[in-house]
N, C-alpha and C. Protein backbone atom coordinates (compact mmCIF):
# COMPACT_ATOMS: atom_id res chain seq x y z
N MET A 1 -24.96 -43.04 7.39
CA MET A 1 -26.38 -43.13 7.13
C MET A 1 -27.06 -43.90 8.24
N GLU A 2 -27.94 -43.23 8.90
CA GLU A 2 -28.69 -43.93 9.93
C GLU A 2 -29.83 -44.69 9.30
N GLY A 3 -30.13 -45.84 9.87
CA GLY A 3 -31.26 -46.63 9.42
C GLY A 3 -30.98 -47.46 8.18
N SER A 4 -29.79 -47.30 7.58
CA SER A 4 -29.51 -48.11 6.39
C SER A 4 -29.05 -49.49 6.83
N VAL A 5 -29.48 -50.46 6.09
CA VAL A 5 -29.15 -51.84 6.39
C VAL A 5 -27.99 -52.25 5.49
N PRO A 6 -26.92 -52.81 6.08
CA PRO A 6 -25.81 -53.25 5.25
C PRO A 6 -26.25 -54.39 4.34
N PRO A 7 -25.62 -54.50 3.17
CA PRO A 7 -26.00 -55.59 2.27
C PRO A 7 -25.69 -56.95 2.89
N SER A 8 -26.50 -57.92 2.55
CA SER A 8 -26.29 -59.27 3.09
C SER A 8 -25.05 -59.89 2.46
N SER A 9 -24.53 -60.92 3.13
CA SER A 9 -23.34 -61.59 2.60
C SER A 9 -23.63 -62.27 1.27
N SER A 10 -24.87 -62.71 1.06
CA SER A 10 -25.19 -63.34 -0.23
C SER A 10 -25.21 -62.30 -1.35
N THR A 11 -25.63 -61.06 -1.05
CA THR A 11 -25.60 -60.00 -2.05
C THR A 11 -24.16 -59.66 -2.41
N ILE A 12 -23.30 -59.60 -1.40
CA ILE A 12 -21.89 -59.32 -1.64
C ILE A 12 -21.27 -60.45 -2.46
N SER A 13 -21.59 -61.70 -2.12
CA SER A 13 -21.06 -62.85 -2.86
C SER A 13 -21.51 -62.83 -4.32
N ARG A 14 -22.79 -62.53 -4.55
CA ARG A 14 -23.29 -62.47 -5.94
C ARG A 14 -22.59 -61.38 -6.72
N THR A 15 -22.38 -60.24 -6.08
CA THR A 15 -21.70 -59.13 -6.75
C THR A 15 -20.24 -59.46 -7.00
N ALA A 16 -19.57 -60.05 -6.01
CA ALA A 16 -18.17 -60.44 -6.17
C ALA A 16 -18.03 -61.45 -7.31
N LEU A 17 -18.95 -62.39 -7.38
CA LEU A 17 -18.92 -63.39 -8.44
C LEU A 17 -19.10 -62.73 -9.82
N LEU A 18 -19.99 -61.77 -9.91
CA LEU A 18 -20.18 -61.05 -11.17
C LEU A 18 -18.92 -60.28 -11.55
N VAL A 19 -18.28 -59.64 -10.59
CA VAL A 19 -17.04 -58.90 -10.86
C VAL A 19 -15.96 -59.86 -11.36
N LEU A 20 -15.84 -61.02 -10.73
CA LEU A 20 -14.86 -62.02 -11.19
C LEU A 20 -15.15 -62.47 -12.62
N ARG A 21 -16.42 -62.65 -12.94
CA ARG A 21 -16.79 -63.09 -14.29
C ARG A 21 -16.50 -61.99 -15.32
N VAL A 22 -16.74 -60.73 -14.96
CA VAL A 22 -16.44 -59.62 -15.87
C VAL A 22 -14.93 -59.51 -16.09
N LEU A 23 -14.16 -59.64 -15.02
CA LEU A 23 -12.70 -59.59 -15.15
C LEU A 23 -12.19 -60.74 -16.02
N THR A 24 -12.73 -61.93 -15.80
CA THR A 24 -12.34 -63.08 -16.64
C THR A 24 -12.66 -62.78 -18.10
N PHE A 25 -13.84 -62.26 -18.36
CA PHE A 25 -14.27 -61.90 -19.72
C PHE A 25 -13.25 -60.95 -20.37
N VAL A 26 -12.86 -59.91 -19.66
CA VAL A 26 -11.94 -58.92 -20.21
C VAL A 26 -10.58 -59.54 -20.50
N PHE A 27 -10.04 -60.29 -19.55
CA PHE A 27 -8.72 -60.89 -19.74
C PHE A 27 -8.72 -61.93 -20.86
N LEU A 28 -9.77 -62.74 -20.95
CA LEU A 28 -9.83 -63.73 -22.03
C LEU A 28 -10.00 -63.05 -23.40
N LEU A 29 -10.77 -61.98 -23.45
CA LEU A 29 -10.95 -61.25 -24.71
C LEU A 29 -9.63 -60.68 -25.20
N ILE A 30 -8.88 -60.05 -24.30
CA ILE A 30 -7.58 -59.49 -24.70
C ILE A 30 -6.61 -60.59 -25.09
N ALA A 31 -6.61 -61.70 -24.33
CA ALA A 31 -5.73 -62.84 -24.67
C ALA A 31 -6.08 -63.39 -26.05
N LEU A 32 -7.36 -63.49 -26.35
CA LEU A 32 -7.80 -64.01 -27.65
C LEU A 32 -7.36 -63.08 -28.78
N ILE A 33 -7.53 -61.80 -28.59
CA ILE A 33 -7.13 -60.84 -29.62
C ILE A 33 -5.63 -60.90 -29.84
N LEU A 34 -4.86 -60.92 -28.75
CA LEU A 34 -3.40 -60.93 -28.87
C LEU A 34 -2.89 -62.15 -29.63
N ILE A 35 -3.36 -63.33 -29.26
CA ILE A 35 -2.83 -64.55 -29.89
C ILE A 35 -3.35 -64.71 -31.32
N SER A 36 -4.58 -64.30 -31.58
CA SER A 36 -5.14 -64.54 -32.91
C SER A 36 -4.58 -63.60 -33.98
N ILE A 37 -4.06 -62.46 -33.60
CA ILE A 37 -3.47 -61.55 -34.60
C ILE A 37 -1.95 -61.65 -34.62
N ASN A 38 -1.40 -62.57 -33.84
CA ASN A 38 0.04 -62.66 -33.69
C ASN A 38 0.70 -63.27 -34.93
N LYS A 39 1.64 -62.51 -35.50
CA LYS A 39 2.45 -62.96 -36.63
C LYS A 39 3.86 -62.43 -36.43
N GLY A 40 4.80 -63.10 -37.03
CA GLY A 40 6.17 -62.62 -36.96
C GLY A 40 6.91 -62.94 -38.24
N SER A 41 7.97 -62.20 -38.48
CA SER A 41 8.82 -62.50 -39.63
C SER A 41 10.25 -62.11 -39.32
N GLU A 42 11.15 -62.83 -39.88
CA GLU A 42 12.58 -62.57 -39.72
C GLU A 42 13.22 -62.63 -41.11
N VAL A 43 14.22 -61.79 -41.33
CA VAL A 43 14.91 -61.73 -42.61
C VAL A 43 16.21 -62.52 -42.50
N LEU A 44 16.40 -63.42 -43.46
CA LEU A 44 17.62 -64.21 -43.51
C LEU A 44 18.76 -63.38 -44.08
N GLU A 45 19.98 -63.91 -43.96
CA GLU A 45 21.16 -63.20 -44.48
C GLU A 45 21.08 -62.98 -45.99
N ASN A 46 20.42 -63.90 -46.70
CA ASN A 46 20.32 -63.77 -48.16
C ASN A 46 19.17 -62.85 -48.59
N GLY A 47 18.47 -62.27 -47.64
CA GLY A 47 17.39 -61.33 -47.95
C GLY A 47 16.01 -61.95 -47.97
N ASP A 48 15.93 -63.28 -47.95
CA ASP A 48 14.62 -63.94 -47.89
C ASP A 48 14.00 -63.71 -46.51
N SER A 49 12.69 -63.84 -46.48
CA SER A 49 11.97 -63.63 -45.23
C SER A 49 11.25 -64.92 -44.83
N ILE A 50 11.33 -65.23 -43.54
CA ILE A 50 10.60 -66.38 -42.99
C ILE A 50 9.50 -65.81 -42.10
N LYS A 51 8.28 -66.32 -42.31
CA LYS A 51 7.13 -65.83 -41.55
C LYS A 51 6.59 -66.93 -40.65
N ILE A 52 6.02 -66.51 -39.53
CA ILE A 52 5.38 -67.44 -38.60
C ILE A 52 4.10 -66.79 -38.10
N LYS A 53 3.08 -67.62 -37.91
CA LYS A 53 1.83 -67.12 -37.32
C LYS A 53 1.36 -68.14 -36.28
N PHE A 54 0.40 -67.72 -35.46
CA PHE A 54 -0.02 -68.56 -34.33
C PHE A 54 -0.48 -69.93 -34.79
N SER A 55 -1.14 -70.02 -35.94
CA SER A 55 -1.70 -71.30 -36.38
C SER A 55 -0.64 -72.28 -36.85
N ASP A 56 0.61 -71.83 -36.97
CA ASP A 56 1.70 -72.74 -37.34
C ASP A 56 2.07 -73.68 -36.19
N LEU A 57 1.68 -73.32 -34.99
CA LEU A 57 2.01 -74.13 -33.82
C LEU A 57 0.73 -74.70 -33.21
N ARG A 58 0.66 -76.01 -33.13
CA ARG A 58 -0.54 -76.66 -32.57
C ARG A 58 -0.83 -76.22 -31.15
N THR A 59 0.20 -75.97 -30.41
CA THR A 59 0.01 -75.54 -29.02
C THR A 59 -0.75 -74.23 -28.95
N TYR A 60 -0.46 -73.32 -29.84
CA TYR A 60 -1.18 -72.04 -29.83
C TYR A 60 -2.62 -72.22 -30.30
N ARG A 61 -2.84 -73.19 -31.17
CA ARG A 61 -4.23 -73.49 -31.56
C ARG A 61 -5.00 -74.06 -30.36
N TYR A 62 -4.34 -74.89 -29.55
CA TYR A 62 -4.97 -75.39 -28.33
C TYR A 62 -5.24 -74.23 -27.37
N MET A 63 -4.30 -73.32 -27.28
CA MET A 63 -4.47 -72.16 -26.41
C MET A 63 -5.70 -71.36 -26.84
N ILE A 64 -5.85 -71.14 -28.13
CA ILE A 64 -7.02 -70.41 -28.64
C ILE A 64 -8.30 -71.18 -28.34
N ALA A 65 -8.27 -72.49 -28.53
CA ALA A 65 -9.46 -73.30 -28.23
C ALA A 65 -9.84 -73.18 -26.76
N SER A 66 -8.85 -73.22 -25.87
CA SER A 66 -9.16 -73.09 -24.45
C SER A 66 -9.71 -71.71 -24.13
N ILE A 67 -9.20 -70.69 -24.78
CA ILE A 67 -9.72 -69.33 -24.57
C ILE A 67 -11.17 -69.25 -25.05
N VAL A 68 -11.45 -69.78 -26.23
CA VAL A 68 -12.81 -69.71 -26.79
C VAL A 68 -13.80 -70.48 -25.92
N ILE A 69 -13.41 -71.66 -25.46
CA ILE A 69 -14.29 -72.45 -24.58
C ILE A 69 -14.54 -71.70 -23.28
N GLY A 70 -13.49 -71.17 -22.68
CA GLY A 70 -13.63 -70.40 -21.45
C GLY A 70 -14.44 -69.14 -21.66
N PHE A 71 -14.25 -68.50 -22.79
CA PHE A 71 -14.98 -67.28 -23.13
C PHE A 71 -16.48 -67.57 -23.26
N ALA A 72 -16.83 -68.63 -23.97
CA ALA A 72 -18.24 -68.98 -24.16
C ALA A 72 -18.90 -69.33 -22.82
N TYR A 73 -18.22 -70.14 -22.01
CA TYR A 73 -18.76 -70.50 -20.69
C TYR A 73 -18.92 -69.25 -19.83
N ASN A 74 -17.92 -68.38 -19.88
CA ASN A 74 -17.96 -67.17 -19.06
C ASN A 74 -19.09 -66.24 -19.50
N LEU A 75 -19.35 -66.13 -20.79
CA LEU A 75 -20.47 -65.32 -21.27
C LEU A 75 -21.79 -65.86 -20.72
N PHE A 76 -21.95 -67.17 -20.77
CA PHE A 76 -23.14 -67.82 -20.22
C PHE A 76 -23.28 -67.52 -18.73
N GLN A 77 -22.20 -67.68 -17.99
CA GLN A 77 -22.23 -67.45 -16.55
C GLN A 77 -22.42 -65.97 -16.22
N MET A 78 -21.89 -65.08 -17.05
CA MET A 78 -22.11 -63.65 -16.83
C MET A 78 -23.58 -63.30 -16.95
N ALA A 79 -24.24 -63.86 -17.95
CA ALA A 79 -25.67 -63.61 -18.13
C ALA A 79 -26.45 -64.10 -16.91
N LEU A 80 -26.11 -65.29 -16.42
CA LEU A 80 -26.78 -65.81 -15.22
C LEU A 80 -26.49 -64.94 -14.00
N SER A 81 -25.25 -64.49 -13.87
CA SER A 81 -24.87 -63.66 -12.73
C SER A 81 -25.56 -62.30 -12.77
N ILE A 82 -25.65 -61.71 -13.95
CA ILE A 82 -26.33 -60.41 -14.07
C ILE A 82 -27.80 -60.56 -13.66
N PHE A 83 -28.43 -61.62 -14.16
CA PHE A 83 -29.82 -61.87 -13.77
C PHE A 83 -29.95 -62.04 -12.26
N ASN A 84 -29.03 -62.78 -11.68
CA ASN A 84 -29.04 -63.05 -10.25
C ASN A 84 -28.85 -61.77 -9.43
N VAL A 85 -27.91 -60.92 -9.83
CA VAL A 85 -27.65 -59.68 -9.10
C VAL A 85 -28.82 -58.71 -9.24
N VAL A 86 -29.37 -58.60 -10.45
CA VAL A 86 -30.45 -57.64 -10.69
C VAL A 86 -31.76 -58.07 -10.02
N SER A 87 -32.12 -59.34 -10.18
CA SER A 87 -33.43 -59.81 -9.69
C SER A 87 -33.37 -60.41 -8.29
N GLY A 88 -32.18 -60.84 -7.88
CA GLY A 88 -32.07 -61.52 -6.60
C GLY A 88 -32.50 -62.98 -6.67
N LYS A 89 -32.84 -63.46 -7.87
CA LYS A 89 -33.27 -64.85 -8.06
C LYS A 89 -32.29 -65.55 -8.99
N ARG A 90 -32.31 -66.86 -8.90
CA ARG A 90 -31.48 -67.66 -9.80
C ARG A 90 -32.31 -68.09 -11.00
N LEU A 91 -31.72 -67.99 -12.18
CA LEU A 91 -32.41 -68.41 -13.40
C LEU A 91 -32.53 -69.93 -13.45
N ILE A 92 -31.49 -70.64 -13.04
CA ILE A 92 -31.51 -72.10 -12.97
C ILE A 92 -31.58 -72.45 -11.49
N SER A 93 -32.75 -72.81 -11.04
CA SER A 93 -32.95 -73.03 -9.61
C SER A 93 -32.67 -74.48 -9.22
N GLY A 94 -32.63 -74.70 -7.94
CA GLY A 94 -32.43 -76.05 -7.43
C GLY A 94 -30.97 -76.44 -7.39
N ASP A 95 -30.75 -77.68 -6.99
CA ASP A 95 -29.39 -78.19 -6.86
C ASP A 95 -28.64 -78.17 -8.18
N PHE A 96 -29.34 -78.42 -9.28
CA PHE A 96 -28.67 -78.48 -10.58
C PHE A 96 -27.95 -77.17 -10.90
N GLY A 97 -28.57 -76.04 -10.62
CA GLY A 97 -27.97 -74.74 -10.91
C GLY A 97 -26.68 -74.53 -10.13
N TYR A 98 -26.71 -74.89 -8.86
CA TYR A 98 -25.51 -74.74 -8.03
C TYR A 98 -24.41 -75.69 -8.47
N GLN A 99 -24.78 -76.91 -8.84
CA GLN A 99 -23.78 -77.87 -9.30
C GLN A 99 -23.21 -77.47 -10.65
N LEU A 100 -24.05 -76.92 -11.53
CA LEU A 100 -23.57 -76.43 -12.82
C LEU A 100 -22.53 -75.34 -12.61
N ASP A 101 -22.80 -74.41 -11.72
CA ASP A 101 -21.84 -73.35 -11.42
C ASP A 101 -20.53 -73.92 -10.89
N PHE A 102 -20.64 -74.78 -9.90
CA PHE A 102 -19.45 -75.31 -9.23
C PHE A 102 -18.60 -76.17 -10.17
N TYR A 103 -19.23 -77.20 -10.75
CA TYR A 103 -18.46 -78.10 -11.61
C TYR A 103 -18.03 -77.43 -12.91
N GLY A 104 -18.87 -76.56 -13.43
CA GLY A 104 -18.50 -75.81 -14.63
C GLY A 104 -17.28 -74.95 -14.38
N ASP A 105 -17.26 -74.23 -13.26
CA ASP A 105 -16.10 -73.40 -12.92
C ASP A 105 -14.84 -74.25 -12.76
N LYS A 106 -14.99 -75.40 -12.12
CA LYS A 106 -13.83 -76.29 -11.94
C LYS A 106 -13.29 -76.76 -13.29
N ILE A 107 -14.16 -77.28 -14.14
CA ILE A 107 -13.73 -77.81 -15.44
C ILE A 107 -13.12 -76.71 -16.30
N ILE A 108 -13.78 -75.57 -16.37
CA ILE A 108 -13.28 -74.47 -17.20
C ILE A 108 -11.96 -73.94 -16.66
N SER A 109 -11.82 -73.87 -15.34
CA SER A 109 -10.54 -73.39 -14.81
C SER A 109 -9.40 -74.33 -15.18
N TYR A 110 -9.66 -75.64 -15.20
CA TYR A 110 -8.62 -76.58 -15.62
C TYR A 110 -8.29 -76.41 -17.11
N ILE A 111 -9.30 -76.19 -17.91
CA ILE A 111 -9.05 -75.97 -19.34
C ILE A 111 -8.22 -74.70 -19.54
N LEU A 112 -8.56 -73.64 -18.83
CA LEU A 112 -7.81 -72.39 -18.95
C LEU A 112 -6.38 -72.56 -18.45
N ALA A 113 -6.21 -73.28 -17.35
CA ALA A 113 -4.87 -73.51 -16.80
C ALA A 113 -4.00 -74.30 -17.78
N THR A 114 -4.56 -75.34 -18.39
CA THR A 114 -3.77 -76.13 -19.34
C THR A 114 -3.46 -75.33 -20.60
N GLY A 115 -4.38 -74.48 -21.03
CA GLY A 115 -4.12 -73.62 -22.18
C GLY A 115 -2.98 -72.66 -21.91
N ALA A 116 -3.00 -72.05 -20.72
CA ALA A 116 -1.93 -71.12 -20.35
C ALA A 116 -0.59 -71.85 -20.23
N ALA A 117 -0.60 -73.01 -19.58
CA ALA A 117 0.63 -73.78 -19.42
C ALA A 117 1.20 -74.22 -20.77
N ALA A 118 0.33 -74.65 -21.66
CA ALA A 118 0.78 -75.03 -23.01
C ALA A 118 1.39 -73.84 -23.73
N GLY A 119 0.75 -72.68 -23.60
CA GLY A 119 1.28 -71.47 -24.24
C GLY A 119 2.64 -71.08 -23.69
N PHE A 120 2.80 -71.13 -22.37
CA PHE A 120 4.10 -70.82 -21.77
C PHE A 120 5.17 -71.81 -22.23
N GLY A 121 4.81 -73.10 -22.19
CA GLY A 121 5.78 -74.13 -22.58
C GLY A 121 6.22 -74.01 -24.03
N ALA A 122 5.27 -73.83 -24.92
CA ALA A 122 5.60 -73.71 -26.34
C ALA A 122 6.44 -72.47 -26.60
N THR A 123 6.09 -71.39 -25.95
CA THR A 123 6.83 -70.16 -26.15
C THR A 123 8.29 -70.34 -25.75
N MET A 124 8.51 -70.92 -24.60
CA MET A 124 9.89 -71.13 -24.13
C MET A 124 10.65 -72.09 -25.04
N ASP A 125 10.04 -73.24 -25.36
CA ASP A 125 10.74 -74.27 -26.13
C ASP A 125 10.98 -73.85 -27.58
N VAL A 126 9.95 -73.38 -28.24
CA VAL A 126 10.09 -73.05 -29.67
C VAL A 126 10.97 -71.81 -29.84
N HIS A 127 10.79 -70.83 -28.98
CA HIS A 127 11.62 -69.62 -29.06
C HIS A 127 13.09 -69.98 -28.87
N SER A 128 13.36 -70.81 -27.88
CA SER A 128 14.73 -71.26 -27.63
C SER A 128 15.30 -72.03 -28.83
N ALA A 129 14.48 -72.92 -29.39
CA ALA A 129 14.93 -73.72 -30.52
C ALA A 129 15.20 -72.86 -31.75
N LEU A 130 14.30 -71.96 -32.05
CA LEU A 130 14.49 -71.11 -33.23
C LEU A 130 15.69 -70.17 -33.06
N SER A 131 15.87 -69.66 -31.86
CA SER A 131 17.00 -68.76 -31.61
C SER A 131 18.32 -69.51 -31.66
N GLY A 132 18.35 -70.67 -31.02
CA GLY A 132 19.60 -71.42 -30.91
C GLY A 132 19.99 -72.18 -32.16
N LEU A 133 19.02 -72.83 -32.79
CA LEU A 133 19.34 -73.70 -33.92
C LEU A 133 19.55 -72.94 -35.23
N ILE A 134 18.67 -72.01 -35.51
CA ILE A 134 18.78 -71.34 -36.81
C ILE A 134 19.01 -69.84 -36.68
N GLY A 135 19.16 -69.35 -35.44
CA GLY A 135 19.50 -67.95 -35.23
C GLY A 135 18.40 -66.96 -35.56
N LEU A 136 17.15 -67.42 -35.58
CA LEU A 136 16.02 -66.52 -35.84
C LEU A 136 15.18 -66.41 -34.57
N PRO A 137 15.28 -65.33 -33.86
CA PRO A 137 14.63 -65.26 -32.56
C PRO A 137 13.12 -65.04 -32.60
N PHE A 138 12.58 -64.35 -33.59
CA PHE A 138 11.14 -64.04 -33.62
C PHE A 138 10.69 -63.48 -32.27
N ASP A 139 11.51 -62.58 -31.70
CA ASP A 139 11.25 -62.07 -30.34
C ASP A 139 9.86 -61.47 -30.19
N SER A 140 9.46 -60.61 -31.08
CA SER A 140 8.16 -59.94 -30.97
C SER A 140 7.01 -60.95 -30.99
N PHE A 141 7.11 -61.93 -31.87
CA PHE A 141 6.07 -62.96 -31.96
C PHE A 141 5.92 -63.70 -30.64
N PHE A 142 7.04 -64.13 -30.08
CA PHE A 142 6.97 -64.92 -28.84
C PHE A 142 6.64 -64.07 -27.62
N GLU A 143 7.00 -62.79 -27.65
CA GLU A 143 6.62 -61.90 -26.55
C GLU A 143 5.10 -61.72 -26.52
N LYS A 144 4.49 -61.58 -27.70
CA LYS A 144 3.03 -61.45 -27.76
C LYS A 144 2.34 -62.74 -27.33
N ALA A 145 2.89 -63.88 -27.75
CA ALA A 145 2.32 -65.16 -27.35
C ALA A 145 2.43 -65.34 -25.84
N ASN A 146 3.55 -64.94 -25.27
CA ASN A 146 3.74 -65.04 -23.82
C ASN A 146 2.78 -64.11 -23.08
N ALA A 147 2.56 -62.91 -23.62
CA ALA A 147 1.60 -61.98 -23.01
C ALA A 147 0.20 -62.57 -23.04
N SER A 148 -0.17 -63.21 -24.15
CA SER A 148 -1.48 -63.84 -24.25
C SER A 148 -1.62 -64.98 -23.25
N ALA A 149 -0.58 -65.79 -23.12
CA ALA A 149 -0.61 -66.89 -22.14
C ALA A 149 -0.72 -66.33 -20.72
N SER A 150 -0.06 -65.22 -20.46
CA SER A 150 -0.14 -64.59 -19.13
C SER A 150 -1.55 -64.12 -18.83
N LEU A 151 -2.18 -63.49 -19.80
CA LEU A 151 -3.57 -63.03 -19.62
C LEU A 151 -4.51 -64.21 -19.44
N LEU A 152 -4.26 -65.29 -20.18
CA LEU A 152 -5.05 -66.51 -20.03
C LEU A 152 -4.88 -67.07 -18.62
N PHE A 153 -3.67 -67.02 -18.11
CA PHE A 153 -3.42 -67.50 -16.75
C PHE A 153 -4.18 -66.66 -15.72
N VAL A 154 -4.23 -65.35 -15.91
CA VAL A 154 -4.99 -64.49 -15.00
C VAL A 154 -6.48 -64.83 -15.09
N GLY A 155 -6.97 -65.11 -16.31
CA GLY A 155 -8.35 -65.56 -16.47
C GLY A 155 -8.61 -66.85 -15.71
N PHE A 156 -7.64 -67.75 -15.74
CA PHE A 156 -7.74 -68.99 -14.94
C PHE A 156 -7.86 -68.66 -13.46
N LEU A 157 -7.01 -67.75 -12.97
CA LEU A 157 -7.04 -67.40 -11.55
C LEU A 157 -8.41 -66.85 -11.14
N PHE A 158 -8.98 -65.97 -11.96
CA PHE A 158 -10.29 -65.42 -11.64
C PHE A 158 -11.37 -66.52 -11.64
N THR A 159 -11.27 -67.45 -12.58
CA THR A 159 -12.25 -68.54 -12.63
C THR A 159 -12.07 -69.48 -11.44
N ALA A 160 -10.83 -69.72 -11.04
CA ALA A 160 -10.57 -70.57 -9.88
C ALA A 160 -11.12 -69.91 -8.60
N ILE A 161 -10.96 -68.60 -8.49
CA ILE A 161 -11.51 -67.89 -7.33
C ILE A 161 -13.04 -67.95 -7.37
N ALA A 162 -13.62 -67.82 -8.56
CA ALA A 162 -15.09 -67.92 -8.69
C ALA A 162 -15.56 -69.30 -8.25
N SER A 163 -14.77 -70.33 -8.53
CA SER A 163 -15.18 -71.68 -8.14
C SER A 163 -15.21 -71.82 -6.61
N VAL A 164 -14.39 -71.05 -5.91
CA VAL A 164 -14.44 -71.07 -4.45
C VAL A 164 -15.77 -70.46 -3.99
N TYR A 165 -16.15 -69.33 -4.60
CA TYR A 165 -17.43 -68.71 -4.25
C TYR A 165 -18.60 -69.66 -4.55
N THR A 166 -18.56 -70.34 -5.70
CA THR A 166 -19.68 -71.22 -6.03
C THR A 166 -19.70 -72.46 -5.15
N SER A 167 -18.54 -72.84 -4.59
CA SER A 167 -18.54 -73.98 -3.68
C SER A 167 -19.28 -73.66 -2.39
N TYR A 168 -19.21 -72.39 -1.96
CA TYR A 168 -19.94 -71.99 -0.75
C TYR A 168 -21.45 -72.06 -0.94
N ALA A 169 -21.90 -71.92 -2.18
CA ALA A 169 -23.34 -71.92 -2.46
C ALA A 169 -23.91 -73.32 -2.61
N LEU A 170 -23.05 -74.33 -2.73
CA LEU A 170 -23.56 -75.69 -2.88
C LEU A 170 -24.41 -76.08 -1.68
N PRO A 171 -25.53 -76.70 -1.93
CA PRO A 171 -26.36 -77.16 -0.81
C PRO A 171 -25.58 -78.16 0.04
N LYS A 172 -25.72 -78.03 1.33
CA LYS A 172 -25.02 -78.93 2.25
C LYS A 172 -25.82 -80.21 2.39
N LYS A 173 -25.27 -81.28 1.79
CA LYS A 173 -25.93 -82.59 1.88
C LYS A 173 -24.91 -83.63 2.30
N THR A 174 -25.34 -84.60 3.02
CA THR A 174 -24.41 -85.66 3.44
C THR A 174 -24.81 -86.98 2.85
């Protein structure tokens, strides 16, 4: 195309940031659904059944809390990003808006990272303990929990990458 002007780097950055926020939204939503519907049961030798659900483990409740907090923040940031991409203006102007983006992304990424790490740790430890001590593996339950923690970790990665983009937008002050 002759005469067409390539998009500016700020337009590309705004669009990339929106894509990262949408991807985070999708991964956190799937992680939330997976962990919140997760249940398992195993049948004992005598025919009795033992059941387990995500809320039986505090670590998984923390994981859900981190997903919900990250999800809510991400919805807020998606709305701001959509407005920014569509209008070319920032809804929250001035230094405060840039600092909110930067520090918010940093804090939320740490919350998501700790939620994912807690989920991985609990899955490994509790699964190992249940399998080894009482011979009840609950494999399906822990595989779903591990999948949810993996998706949460990917959400963390997208938020961490978004924080790099928002750091570039911070006003340069000394």
